[in-house]
Protein backbone atom coordinates (compact mmCIF):
# COMPACT_ATOMS: atom_id res chain seq x y z
CA MET A 1 23.60 -145.52 -2.82
CA THR A 2 22.61 -142.96 -0.21
CA ASN A 3 19.43 -140.92 -0.51
CA PHE A 4 19.64 -137.22 0.22
CA THR A 5 17.55 -134.10 -0.27
CA MET A 6 18.81 -130.89 -1.85
CA ARG A 7 16.85 -127.66 -1.67
CA LEU A 8 17.64 -124.48 -3.56
CA THR A 9 15.99 -121.28 -2.40
CA VAL A 10 15.30 -118.78 -5.17
CA THR A 11 14.16 -115.25 -4.41
CA VAL A 12 10.89 -114.33 -6.15
CA GLY A 13 11.65 -112.39 -9.32
CA GLN A 14 15.32 -113.34 -9.33
CA PHE A 15 15.01 -115.62 -12.37
CA GLY A 16 11.36 -115.27 -13.37
CA GLY A 17 9.73 -118.65 -13.82
CA PHE A 18 11.42 -121.72 -15.23
CA THR A 19 9.99 -123.39 -18.33
CA LYS A 20 12.56 -126.20 -18.60
CA LEU A 21 14.99 -127.64 -16.08
CA PHE A 22 17.45 -130.49 -16.54
CA TRP A 23 20.81 -131.80 -15.34
CA SER A 24 23.71 -130.62 -17.50
CA THR A 25 26.00 -133.12 -19.18
CA PHE A 26 28.60 -130.42 -19.90
CA PHE A 27 28.71 -128.65 -16.51
CA THR A 28 29.24 -131.32 -13.84
CA ASN A 29 26.63 -131.34 -11.02
CA CYS A 30 24.75 -128.35 -12.46
CA LEU A 31 21.20 -127.65 -13.54
CA VAL A 32 20.31 -125.86 -16.77
CA ALA A 33 17.21 -123.68 -16.44
CA ALA A 34 15.33 -121.91 -19.22
CA SER A 35 13.64 -118.76 -17.92
CA THR A 36 10.43 -116.90 -18.70
CA LEU A 37 12.62 -113.77 -18.76
CA GLY A 38 14.41 -115.04 -21.89
CA ASP A 39 17.65 -116.13 -20.23
CA VAL A 40 19.26 -119.53 -19.71
CA TYR A 41 20.98 -120.18 -16.40
CA VAL A 42 23.48 -122.85 -15.37
CA ILE A 43 22.99 -123.23 -11.62
CA ASP A 44 25.10 -125.15 -9.10
CA PRO A 45 22.48 -126.48 -6.65
CA ARG A 46 25.13 -127.33 -4.05
CA ASN A 47 25.60 -123.66 -3.17
CA GLY A 48 22.93 -121.86 -5.24
CA SER A 49 25.41 -119.96 -7.39
CA VAL A 50 24.83 -119.14 -11.04
CA VAL A 51 27.75 -120.62 -12.98
CA LYS A 52 26.78 -119.11 -16.34
CA THR A 53 24.03 -116.87 -17.71
CA ILE A 54 23.15 -116.83 -21.40
CA LYS A 55 21.18 -113.73 -22.39
CA GLY A 56 19.80 -112.40 -25.63
CA HIS A 57 16.23 -113.60 -26.03
CA VAL A 58 13.47 -111.02 -25.71
CA ALA A 59 10.73 -113.53 -24.91
CA SER A 60 10.23 -116.61 -22.75
CA ILE A 61 12.31 -119.65 -23.68
CA ASN A 62 9.91 -122.58 -23.94
CA ASP A 63 12.37 -125.35 -24.73
CA ILE A 64 16.12 -125.93 -24.77
CA LYS A 65 18.41 -128.82 -25.62
CA GLU A 66 22.02 -129.30 -24.61
CA PHE A 67 24.29 -130.73 -27.29
């Protein structure tokens, strides 16, 4: 297996802070990020694009679980 480093640059204020971050089992090669702004983001770290945004919470999301 080859080791490699991936870096994702996020502009300050773009997503707020992240409270939980994990690899998705549903979206291949994507990260799921719970935000202090009350949104959940599915992010493709290969190009930095947001694949899906789930909105609706008015407060910070402290924990999330993918089913």
